[in-house]
Protein backbone atom coordinates (compact mmCIF):
# COMPACT_ATOMS: atom_id res chain seq x y z
CA MET A 1 0.00 0.00 0.00
CA SER A 2 1.42 3.34 -1.04
CA ALA A 3 0.88 6.45 1.07
CA THR A 4 -0.24 8.23 -2.11
CA GLN A 5 -3.29 5.95 -2.31
CA ARG A 6 -4.61 7.24 1.03
CA GLU A 7 -6.04 10.75 1.23
CA GLU A 8 -7.51 12.27 4.39
CA MET A 9 -10.25 14.81 3.68
CA ARG A 10 -11.57 17.74 5.69
CA VAL A 11 -14.76 18.94 4.02
CA PRO A 12 -15.56 22.68 3.94
CA GLY A 13 -18.84 23.44 5.70
CA LEU A 14 -18.81 20.40 7.97
CA PRO A 15 -18.46 20.72 11.74
CA ALA A 16 -14.99 20.33 13.22
CA PRO A 17 -14.07 16.78 14.25
CA LEU A 18 -14.78 16.14 17.92
CA SER A 19 -11.73 13.94 18.43
CA HIS A 20 -8.85 12.34 16.51
CA TYR A 21 -10.44 11.68 13.09
CA THR A 22 -11.10 13.32 9.75
CA ASP A 23 -14.35 13.70 7.80
CA ALA A 24 -13.46 11.06 5.23
CA VAL A 25 -10.59 8.99 3.91
CA ARG A 26 -10.21 8.09 0.28
CA PHE A 27 -8.26 4.96 -0.53
CA GLY A 28 -8.06 4.28 -4.25
CA ASP A 29 -11.63 4.34 -5.53
CA LEU A 30 -13.21 3.88 -2.09
CA LEU A 31 -14.38 6.64 0.24
CA PHE A 32 -14.87 5.99 3.95
CA VAL A 33 -17.02 8.70 5.56
CA SER A 34 -16.80 9.06 9.33
CA GLY A 35 -19.96 9.06 11.40
CA VAL A 36 -21.96 12.10 10.32
CA ALA A 37 -23.63 14.13 13.05
CA PRO A 38 -26.69 16.40 12.78
CA LEU A 39 -24.61 19.53 13.35
CA ASP A 40 -24.59 22.69 11.26
CA GLY A 41 -21.47 24.47 10.02
CA ASP A 42 -21.24 26.32 13.35
CA ASP A 43 -21.12 23.03 15.29
CA ARG A 44 -24.68 23.48 16.64
CA LEU A 45 -27.08 20.55 17.01
CA VAL A 46 -29.93 20.76 14.49
CA GLY A 47 -33.43 19.56 15.40
CA GLU A 48 -33.15 18.86 19.09
CA GLY A 49 -35.72 16.19 19.93
CA ASP A 50 -36.68 15.76 16.24
CA VAL A 51 -35.18 12.66 14.60
CA VAL A 52 -36.50 13.67 11.15
CA ALA A 53 -34.81 17.09 11.26
CA GLN A 54 -31.63 15.46 12.53
CA ALA A 55 -31.71 12.78 9.82
CA ARG A 56 -32.08 15.48 7.16
CA GLN A 57 -29.07 17.38 8.53
CA VAL A 58 -27.04 14.18 8.64
CA HIS A 59 -27.88 13.54 4.96
CA VAL A 60 -27.06 17.15 4.01
CA ASN A 61 -23.67 16.73 5.69
CA LEU A 62 -23.13 13.30 4.14
CA GLY A 63 -23.92 14.80 0.74
CA LYS A 64 -21.21 17.44 1.28
CA ALA A 65 -18.63 14.77 2.08
CA LEU A 66 -19.62 12.70 -0.95
CA ALA A 67 -19.56 15.70 -3.30
CA HIS A 68 -16.17 16.81 -1.98
CA ALA A 69 -14.78 13.45 -3.13
CA GLY A 70 -16.61 13.49 -6.47
CA ALA A 71 -19.32 11.03 -5.45
CA SER A 72 -23.07 11.10 -4.85
CA PHE A 73 -25.66 9.14 -2.90
CA ALA A 74 -25.94 6.77 -5.87
CA ASP A 75 -22.29 5.79 -5.25
CA VAL A 76 -22.82 4.78 -1.62
CA LEU A 77 -22.12 1.09 -1.14
CA LYS A 78 -22.77 0.69 2.61
CA VAL A 79 -24.22 2.72 5.47
CA THR A 80 -24.30 2.11 9.18
CA VAL A 81 -27.08 3.94 11.00
CA TYR A 82 -26.85 4.52 14.75
CA LEU A 83 -30.11 5.37 16.52
CA ILE A 84 -30.89 6.12 20.14
CA ASP A 85 -34.35 4.60 19.58
CA VAL A 86 -34.73 1.80 17.02
CA ASN A 87 -38.42 2.74 16.76
CA ASP A 88 -37.28 5.82 14.79
CA ARG A 89 -36.12 3.55 11.95
CA ALA A 90 -39.14 4.20 9.72
CA LYS A 91 -38.82 7.98 10.10
CA VAL A 92 -35.11 7.89 9.22
CA ASN A 93 -35.80 5.55 6.28
CA ASP A 94 -38.31 8.06 4.87
CA VAL A 95 -35.60 10.74 4.95
CA ARG A 96 -33.08 8.31 3.48
CA ARG A 97 -35.36 7.69 0.47
CA GLU A 98 -35.40 11.47 -0.21
CA TYR A 99 -31.62 11.41 -0.69
CA PHE A 100 -30.92 7.92 -2.04
CA GLY A 101 -33.90 7.68 -4.39
CA ASP A 102 -33.71 4.38 -6.26
CA SER A 103 -30.24 3.51 -4.90
CA TYR A 104 -30.16 0.87 -2.18
CA PRO A 105 -26.86 0.61 -0.30
CA ALA A 106 -26.05 -2.29 1.99
CA SER A 107 -27.11 -1.21 5.45
CA THR A 108 -26.76 -1.95 9.14
CA LEU A 109 -28.90 -0.40 11.88
CA VAL A 110 -27.68 -0.29 15.46
CA GLN A 111 -29.53 0.99 18.54
CA ILE A 112 -27.15 2.53 21.05
CA SER A 113 -27.52 4.15 24.45
CA ALA A 114 -25.86 7.49 23.62
CA LEU A 115 -24.09 9.49 20.92
CA VAL A 116 -21.17 11.86 21.42
CA VAL A 117 -23.15 15.13 21.36
CA PRO A 118 -25.93 15.42 23.96
CA GLY A 119 -29.29 15.47 22.18
CA MET A 120 -28.13 13.57 19.09
CA LEU A 121 -30.66 10.94 18.04
CA VAL A 122 -29.00 9.64 14.85
CA GLU A 123 -25.55 9.30 13.28
CA ILE A 124 -24.67 7.68 9.94
CA GLU A 125 -21.35 6.49 8.50
CA ALA A 126 -20.87 5.42 4.89
CA VAL A 127 -18.58 3.73 2.40
CA ALA A 128 -18.82 4.87 -1.22
CA GLY A 129 -17.19 4.02 -4.51
CA ILE A 130 -15.65 6.97 -6.33
CA PRO A 131 -16.77 6.98 -9.97
CA GLY A 132 -14.26 7.30 -12.50
């Protein structure tokens, strides 16, 4: 593996990383997007108490990361969705359809007890193929 194959990406307009990570890493024609939080560009939580508003912000932020690398939602191969309440799955899936349309990535859903930012209800990470 050559160091030139690996590219760490900080995406303009995304919140600052909360610990030791970057927004995404490109390796060859694969893009690994870190867990995306429902934060705006000023690092403020969007949609406190509203999983739909938070899911929309997560997808907006995910779209920025994908576009920065030259990809789109149609290029997403796998997502992992983290929810505080698994019963919110249907609401998040409705939002997901707005962004993914007819594309169906592989997917894993995990219910967890807490996310890093107080008030977060959803976080999504993704792996995409870079067209080209």
